[in-house]
C-alpha cells in the first residue's frame, strides 16, 4: 500500500486521478469480497 501511495504522489495530475480511482475500486472490491466470503461461511 505504501508503494502505491508513493507512485500516486510522483504521478502527473491526470494520472493521479486515474490511479486513485483504480485504488478505490480495488479496495471496494476487496471489502465486498471479504464481506461476501463471511456471509458464505
Protein backbone atom coordinates (compact mmCIF):
# COMPACT_ATOMS: atom_id res chain seq x y z
CA UNK A 1 0.00 0.00 0.00
CA UNK A 2 2.87 2.35 0.79
CA UNK A 3 4.33 1.72 -2.68
CA UNK A 4 1.02 2.68 -4.27
CA UNK A 5 0.91 5.90 -2.27
CA UNK A 6 4.43 6.82 -3.40
CA UNK A 7 3.58 6.02 -7.01
CA UNK A 8 0.48 8.24 -6.87
CA UNK A 9 2.44 11.04 -5.20
CA UNK A 10 5.02 11.05 -8.00
CA UNK A 11 2.49 10.87 -10.85
CA UNK A 12 1.20 13.60 -13.11
CA UNK A 13 -2.14 15.15 -12.05
CA UNK A 14 -4.20 13.27 -14.66
CA UNK A 15 -2.51 10.01 -13.75
CA UNK A 16 -3.11 10.66 -10.04
CA UNK A 17 -6.86 10.86 -10.59
CA UNK A 18 -6.89 7.60 -12.53
CA UNK A 19 -4.68 5.82 -10.00
CA UNK A 20 -6.79 6.99 -7.07
CA UNK A 21 -9.95 5.72 -8.80
CA UNK A 22 -8.32 2.36 -9.52
CA UNK A 23 -7.15 2.02 -5.91
CA UNK A 24 -10.60 2.95 -4.60
CA UNK A 25 -12.19 0.41 -6.93
CA UNK A 26 -9.74 -2.28 -5.81
CA UNK A 27 -10.37 -1.51 -2.13
CA UNK A 28 -14.14 -1.61 -2.64
CA UNK A 29 -13.88 -4.95 -4.41
CA UNK A 30 -11.64 -6.31 -1.66
CA UNK A 31 -14.05 -5.16 1.02
CA UNK A 32 -17.01 -6.64 -0.85
CA UNK A 33 -15.21 -9.95 -1.35
CA UNK A 34 -14.26 -10.12 2.32
CA UNK A 35 -17.84 -9.36 3.34
CA UNK A 36 -19.24 -11.85 0.84
CA UNK A 37 -16.97 -14.66 2.00
CA UNK A 38 -18.01 -14.02 5.61
CA UNK A 39 -21.66 -14.46 4.61
CA UNK A 40 -20.96 -17.81 2.92
CA UNK A 41 -19.32 -19.39 5.95
